[in-house]
C-alpha cells in the first residue's frame, strides 16, 4: 500500500533553515505529483506546494514562494522541501501527500 514517511522536522530558531524529506513506497513514484501540506495549531491544513511527476515544474503558495523550494529525486523515491528564513508562523506539522494518502507528518517548531 501507499506509504509516505516524512523526516527532517525539528526545533529551529527564527531565520534558520530546515530540509524536509518524504520517502515514498507502494506506488509508482515517478508517475505522481507530490504535494506538501502543513497544519498549524488551531488552523486548517493548507497546501504548501507541489511538484510535477518529472520534477520539471513546481508550485509554492504565494506567501512562501520566496523562502520554500520543493524538489524530488525519482531515483530515490523521495521528495524534499527546503525551508529558509523560517518564521514563527511556519510552526506546524508538515505532511507530504500523494495518491490520496498523507504521511504521518513531521513537526516543525520555529522559536524566537
N, C-alpha and C. Protein backbone atom coordinates (compact mmCIF):
# COMPACT_ATOMS: atom_id res chain seq x y z
N UNK A 1 0.84 -1.19 0.00
CA UNK A 1 0.00 0.00 0.00
C UNK A 1 0.88 1.25 0.00
N UNK A 2 0.26 2.39 -0.28
CA UNK A 2 0.99 3.65 -0.33
C UNK A 2 1.54 3.97 1.06
N UNK A 3 2.82 4.29 1.09
CA UNK A 3 3.45 4.70 2.34
C UNK A 3 4.27 5.95 2.09
N UNK A 4 4.07 6.95 2.95
CA UNK A 4 4.82 8.21 2.86
C UNK A 4 5.40 8.48 4.25
N UNK A 5 6.70 8.62 4.32
CA UNK A 5 7.36 8.82 5.61
C UNK A 5 8.17 10.11 5.57
N UNK A 6 7.69 11.09 6.33
CA UNK A 6 8.37 12.38 6.39
C UNK A 6 9.46 12.36 7.47
N UNK A 7 10.47 13.17 7.25
CA UNK A 7 11.53 13.34 8.23
C UNK A 7 12.16 14.71 8.04
N UNK A 8 12.99 15.10 9.00
CA UNK A 8 13.73 16.35 8.87
C UNK A 8 13.18 17.50 9.68
N UNK A 9 12.03 17.31 10.32
CA UNK A 9 11.49 18.37 11.15
C UNK A 9 12.30 18.53 12.42
N UNK A 10 11.95 19.54 13.19
CA UNK A 10 12.64 19.77 14.45
C UNK A 10 12.42 21.17 14.96
N UNK A 11 13.24 21.54 15.91
CA UNK A 11 13.18 22.87 16.53
C UNK A 11 14.27 23.73 15.92
N UNK A 12 13.89 24.89 15.45
CA UNK A 12 14.85 25.79 14.82
C UNK A 12 14.52 27.22 15.23
N UNK A 13 15.52 28.06 15.26
CA UNK A 13 15.28 29.46 15.62
C UNK A 13 14.78 30.25 14.41
N UNK A 14 14.11 31.35 14.68
CA UNK A 14 13.68 32.26 13.63
C UNK A 14 14.89 32.61 12.74
N UNK A 15 14.66 32.54 11.44
CA UNK A 15 15.73 32.82 10.49
C UNK A 15 16.52 31.59 10.05
N UNK A 16 16.29 30.48 10.73
CA UNK A 16 17.00 29.25 10.40
C UNK A 16 16.41 28.53 9.20
N UNK A 17 17.00 27.38 8.89
CA UNK A 17 16.58 26.58 7.74
C UNK A 17 16.39 25.13 8.14
N UNK A 18 15.54 24.46 7.41
CA UNK A 18 15.35 23.02 7.54
C UNK A 18 15.08 22.44 6.16
N UNK A 19 15.46 21.17 5.99
CA UNK A 19 15.08 20.46 4.77
C UNK A 19 14.28 19.23 5.17
N UNK A 20 13.05 19.19 4.74
CA UNK A 20 12.19 18.04 4.99
C UNK A 20 12.34 17.05 3.84
N UNK A 21 12.20 15.78 4.19
CA UNK A 21 12.22 14.71 3.19
C UNK A 21 10.96 13.87 3.34
N UNK A 22 10.56 13.27 2.25
CA UNK A 22 9.42 12.35 2.29
C UNK A 22 9.78 11.16 1.41
N UNK A 23 9.94 10.02 2.05
CA UNK A 23 10.27 8.79 1.33
C UNK A 23 8.97 8.06 1.00
N UNK A 24 8.82 7.71 -0.27
CA UNK A 24 7.57 7.12 -0.74
C UNK A 24 7.76 5.68 -1.18
N UNK A 25 6.72 4.89 -1.01
CA UNK A 25 6.74 3.50 -1.48
C UNK A 25 5.31 3.04 -1.70
N UNK A 26 5.17 1.94 -2.42
CA UNK A 26 3.85 1.35 -2.63
C UNK A 26 3.10 1.86 -3.84
N UNK A 27 3.74 2.73 -4.62
CA UNK A 27 3.12 3.22 -5.84
C UNK A 27 4.24 3.68 -6.78
N UNK A 28 3.87 3.97 -8.00
CA UNK A 28 4.89 4.39 -8.98
C UNK A 28 5.18 5.87 -8.76
N UNK A 29 6.22 6.12 -8.01
CA UNK A 29 6.55 7.48 -7.57
C UNK A 29 6.70 8.42 -8.76
N UNK A 30 7.40 7.98 -9.78
CA UNK A 30 7.72 8.86 -10.91
C UNK A 30 6.51 9.19 -11.78
N UNK A 31 5.37 8.59 -11.50
CA UNK A 31 4.15 8.90 -12.22
C UNK A 31 3.25 9.88 -11.48
N UNK A 32 3.65 10.27 -10.29
CA UNK A 32 2.75 11.02 -9.43
C UNK A 32 3.25 12.41 -9.05
N UNK A 33 2.29 13.35 -9.09
CA UNK A 33 2.53 14.66 -8.49
C UNK A 33 2.67 14.47 -6.98
N UNK A 34 3.61 15.17 -6.39
CA UNK A 34 3.79 15.13 -4.93
C UNK A 34 3.45 16.50 -4.36
N UNK A 35 2.84 16.49 -3.20
CA UNK A 35 2.45 17.75 -2.56
C UNK A 35 2.92 17.77 -1.11
N UNK A 36 3.15 18.97 -0.64
CA UNK A 36 3.40 19.22 0.79
C UNK A 36 2.26 20.07 1.33
N UNK A 37 1.76 19.68 2.49
CA UNK A 37 0.76 20.44 3.23
C UNK A 37 1.34 20.75 4.61
N UNK A 38 0.68 21.65 5.28
CA UNK A 38 1.02 21.90 6.68
C UNK A 38 -0.24 22.24 7.46
N UNK A 39 -0.17 21.97 8.75
CA UNK A 39 -1.28 22.32 9.63
C UNK A 39 -0.72 22.91 10.92
N UNK A 40 -1.02 24.16 11.11
CA UNK A 40 -0.59 24.86 12.32
C UNK A 40 -1.62 24.63 13.42
N UNK A 41 -1.22 24.78 14.67
CA UNK A 41 -2.15 24.57 15.79
C UNK A 41 -3.40 25.43 15.63
N UNK A 42 -4.56 24.79 15.70
CA UNK A 42 -5.82 25.52 15.64
C UNK A 42 -6.24 25.98 14.26
N UNK A 43 -5.49 25.55 13.24
CA UNK A 43 -5.80 26.01 11.89
C UNK A 43 -6.09 24.82 10.97
N UNK A 44 -6.67 25.13 9.81
CA UNK A 44 -6.94 24.12 8.81
C UNK A 44 -5.64 23.70 8.12
N UNK A 45 -5.63 22.49 7.63
CA UNK A 45 -4.49 22.05 6.83
C UNK A 45 -4.47 22.86 5.53
N UNK A 46 -3.28 23.31 5.13
CA UNK A 46 -3.18 24.11 3.93
C UNK A 46 -2.10 23.56 3.01
N UNK A 47 -2.29 23.80 1.72
CA UNK A 47 -1.31 23.37 0.74
C UNK A 47 -0.10 24.29 0.79
N UNK A 48 1.07 23.71 0.88
CA UNK A 48 2.31 24.47 0.81
C UNK A 48 2.78 24.55 -0.64
N UNK A 49 2.77 23.41 -1.32
CA UNK A 49 3.20 23.40 -2.71
C UNK A 49 3.18 22.01 -3.30
N UNK A 50 3.59 21.93 -4.55
CA UNK A 50 3.56 20.67 -5.26
C UNK A 50 4.68 20.62 -6.28
N UNK A 51 4.92 19.42 -6.79
CA UNK A 51 5.93 19.26 -7.84
C UNK A 51 5.44 18.20 -8.81
N UNK A 52 5.66 18.46 -10.09
CA UNK A 52 5.20 17.54 -11.12
C UNK A 52 5.93 16.21 -11.04
N UNK A 53 5.40 15.24 -11.75
CA UNK A 53 5.93 13.88 -11.64
C UNK A 53 7.40 13.78 -12.08
N UNK A 54 7.78 14.58 -13.06
CA UNK A 54 9.16 14.52 -13.53
C UNK A 54 10.05 15.58 -12.89
N UNK A 55 9.47 16.38 -12.02
CA UNK A 55 10.24 17.39 -11.30
C UNK A 55 10.50 18.66 -12.08
N UNK A 56 9.93 18.77 -13.27
CA UNK A 56 10.24 19.93 -14.11
C UNK A 56 9.49 21.18 -13.70
N UNK A 57 8.40 21.00 -12.99
CA UNK A 57 7.56 22.14 -12.59
C UNK A 57 7.21 22.02 -11.12
N UNK A 58 7.36 23.10 -10.41
CA UNK A 58 6.95 23.11 -9.01
C UNK A 58 6.14 24.36 -8.73
N UNK A 59 5.35 24.26 -7.71
CA UNK A 59 4.48 25.37 -7.28
C UNK A 59 4.63 25.51 -5.77
N UNK A 60 4.77 26.73 -5.31
CA UNK A 60 4.75 27.01 -3.87
C UNK A 60 3.77 28.15 -3.65
N UNK A 61 2.95 28.03 -2.62
CA UNK A 61 1.96 29.05 -2.30
C UNK A 61 2.63 30.41 -2.21
N UNK A 62 1.90 31.43 -2.69
CA UNK A 62 2.46 32.75 -2.90
C UNK A 62 3.28 33.33 -1.76
N UNK A 63 2.73 33.25 -0.57
CA UNK A 63 3.41 33.89 0.56
C UNK A 63 4.69 33.15 0.97
N UNK A 64 4.85 31.92 0.51
CA UNK A 64 6.01 31.11 0.90
C UNK A 64 7.04 31.00 -0.23
N UNK A 65 6.68 31.47 -1.38
CA UNK A 65 7.49 31.23 -2.58
C UNK A 65 8.93 31.69 -2.45
N UNK A 66 9.12 32.77 -1.74
CA UNK A 66 10.47 33.32 -1.64
C UNK A 66 11.35 32.52 -0.70
N UNK A 67 10.75 31.68 0.12
CA UNK A 67 11.52 31.01 1.17
C UNK A 67 11.53 29.48 1.05
N UNK A 68 10.55 28.91 0.39
CA UNK A 68 10.42 27.45 0.31
C UNK A 68 10.67 26.96 -1.12
N UNK A 69 11.33 25.81 -1.22
CA UNK A 69 11.58 25.18 -2.51
C UNK A 69 11.26 23.70 -2.41
N UNK A 70 10.59 23.20 -3.43
CA UNK A 70 10.26 21.77 -3.47
C UNK A 70 11.04 21.11 -4.60
N UNK A 71 11.60 19.95 -4.32
CA UNK A 71 12.34 19.19 -5.33
C UNK A 71 12.08 17.71 -5.11
N UNK A 72 12.55 16.90 -6.04
CA UNK A 72 12.36 15.46 -5.90
C UNK A 72 13.51 14.72 -6.58
N UNK A 73 13.70 13.49 -6.11
CA UNK A 73 14.67 12.59 -6.72
C UNK A 73 13.94 11.30 -7.04
N UNK A 74 13.61 11.10 -8.28
CA UNK A 74 12.83 9.92 -8.66
C UNK A 74 13.64 8.63 -8.56
N UNK A 75 14.97 8.75 -8.51
CA UNK A 75 15.77 7.53 -8.32
C UNK A 75 15.66 7.04 -6.87
N UNK A 76 15.39 7.97 -5.97
CA UNK A 76 15.31 7.63 -4.55
C UNK A 76 13.87 7.62 -4.04
N UNK A 77 12.92 7.87 -4.92
CA UNK A 77 11.51 7.92 -4.50
C UNK A 77 11.31 8.87 -3.32
N UNK A 78 11.92 10.02 -3.42
CA UNK A 78 11.90 10.97 -2.31
C UNK A 78 11.60 12.37 -2.82
N UNK A 79 10.78 13.08 -2.07
CA UNK A 79 10.51 14.49 -2.35
C UNK A 79 11.04 15.30 -1.17
N UNK A 80 11.49 16.50 -1.48
CA UNK A 80 12.11 17.36 -0.47
C UNK A 80 11.41 18.71 -0.41
N UNK A 81 11.55 19.34 0.73
CA UNK A 81 11.10 20.72 0.86
C UNK A 81 12.17 21.48 1.64
N UNK A 82 12.81 22.39 0.97
CA UNK A 82 13.80 23.26 1.62
C UNK A 82 13.10 24.50 2.13
N UNK A 83 13.30 24.81 3.39
CA UNK A 83 12.64 25.95 4.01
C UNK A 83 13.72 26.85 4.60
N UNK A 84 13.77 28.07 4.12
CA UNK A 84 14.77 29.03 4.58
C UNK A 84 14.12 30.22 5.27
N UNK A 85 14.91 30.92 6.04
CA UNK A 85 14.44 32.13 6.74
C UNK A 85 13.10 31.85 7.46
N UNK A 86 13.12 30.80 8.24
CA UNK A 86 11.88 30.38 8.89
C UNK A 86 11.36 31.40 9.88
N UNK A 87 10.05 31.48 9.95
CA UNK A 87 9.36 32.42 10.84
C UNK A 87 8.52 31.63 11.84
N UNK A 88 8.12 32.31 12.91
CA UNK A 88 7.29 31.65 13.92
C UNK A 88 6.02 31.08 13.31
N UNK A 89 5.46 31.78 12.33
CA UNK A 89 4.22 31.33 11.68
C UNK A 89 4.39 30.04 10.89
N UNK A 90 5.62 29.63 10.66
CA UNK A 90 5.86 28.38 9.95
C UNK A 90 5.74 27.16 10.86
N UNK A 91 5.59 27.40 12.15
CA UNK A 91 5.41 26.29 13.09
C UNK A 91 4.15 25.52 12.72
N UNK A 92 4.32 24.22 12.47
CA UNK A 92 3.21 23.39 12.00
C UNK A 92 3.69 21.95 11.89
N UNK A 93 2.74 21.08 11.67
CA UNK A 93 3.07 19.73 11.24
C UNK A 93 3.03 19.74 9.71
N UNK A 94 4.09 19.22 9.11
CA UNK A 94 4.21 19.20 7.66
C UNK A 94 3.98 17.78 7.15
N UNK A 95 3.12 17.69 6.16
CA UNK A 95 2.72 16.40 5.61
C UNK A 95 3.05 16.34 4.13
N UNK A 96 3.50 15.18 3.67
CA UNK A 96 3.55 15.02 2.24
C UNK A 96 2.33 14.20 1.82
N UNK A 97 1.99 14.34 0.55
CA UNK A 97 0.74 13.77 0.05
C UNK A 97 0.92 13.26 -1.37
N UNK A 98 0.36 12.09 -1.61
CA UNK A 98 0.32 11.54 -2.97
C UNK A 98 -0.73 10.44 -3.00
N UNK A 99 -1.32 10.25 -4.17
CA UNK A 99 -2.23 9.13 -4.36
C UNK A 99 -3.28 9.03 -3.24
N UNK A 100 -3.87 10.16 -2.90
CA UNK A 100 -4.94 10.23 -1.90
C UNK A 100 -4.49 9.82 -0.49
N UNK A 101 -3.20 9.93 -0.25
CA UNK A 101 -2.66 9.50 1.04
C UNK A 101 -1.76 10.58 1.62
N UNK A 102 -1.88 10.79 2.92
CA UNK A 102 -0.96 11.66 3.65
C UNK A 102 0.01 10.80 4.45
N UNK A 103 1.21 11.32 4.63
CA UNK A 103 2.12 10.70 5.59
C UNK A 103 1.70 11.04 7.01
N UNK A 104 2.52 10.60 7.96
CA UNK A 104 2.19 10.84 9.37
C UNK A 104 2.57 12.25 9.81
N UNK A 105 3.36 12.91 9.03
CA UNK A 105 3.73 14.28 9.33
C UNK A 105 5.03 14.39 10.10
N UNK A 106 5.64 15.55 10.01
CA UNK A 106 6.84 15.86 10.79
C UNK A 106 6.66 17.26 11.38
N UNK A 107 6.96 17.38 12.66
CA UNK A 107 6.74 18.63 13.38
C UNK A 107 7.88 19.60 13.11
N UNK A 108 7.52 20.81 12.76
CA UNK A 108 8.48 21.91 12.64
C UNK A 108 8.09 22.97 13.65
N UNK A 109 9.01 23.32 14.52
CA UNK A 109 8.77 24.35 15.52
C UNK A 109 9.83 25.43 15.36
N UNK A 110 9.37 26.65 15.15
CA UNK A 110 10.27 27.78 14.96
C UNK A 110 10.15 28.67 16.19
N UNK A 111 11.26 28.82 16.88
CA UNK A 111 11.22 29.58 18.13
C UNK A 111 11.91 30.91 17.97
N UNK A 112 11.41 31.87 18.73
CA UNK A 112 12.03 33.19 18.71
C UNK A 112 12.79 33.39 20.02
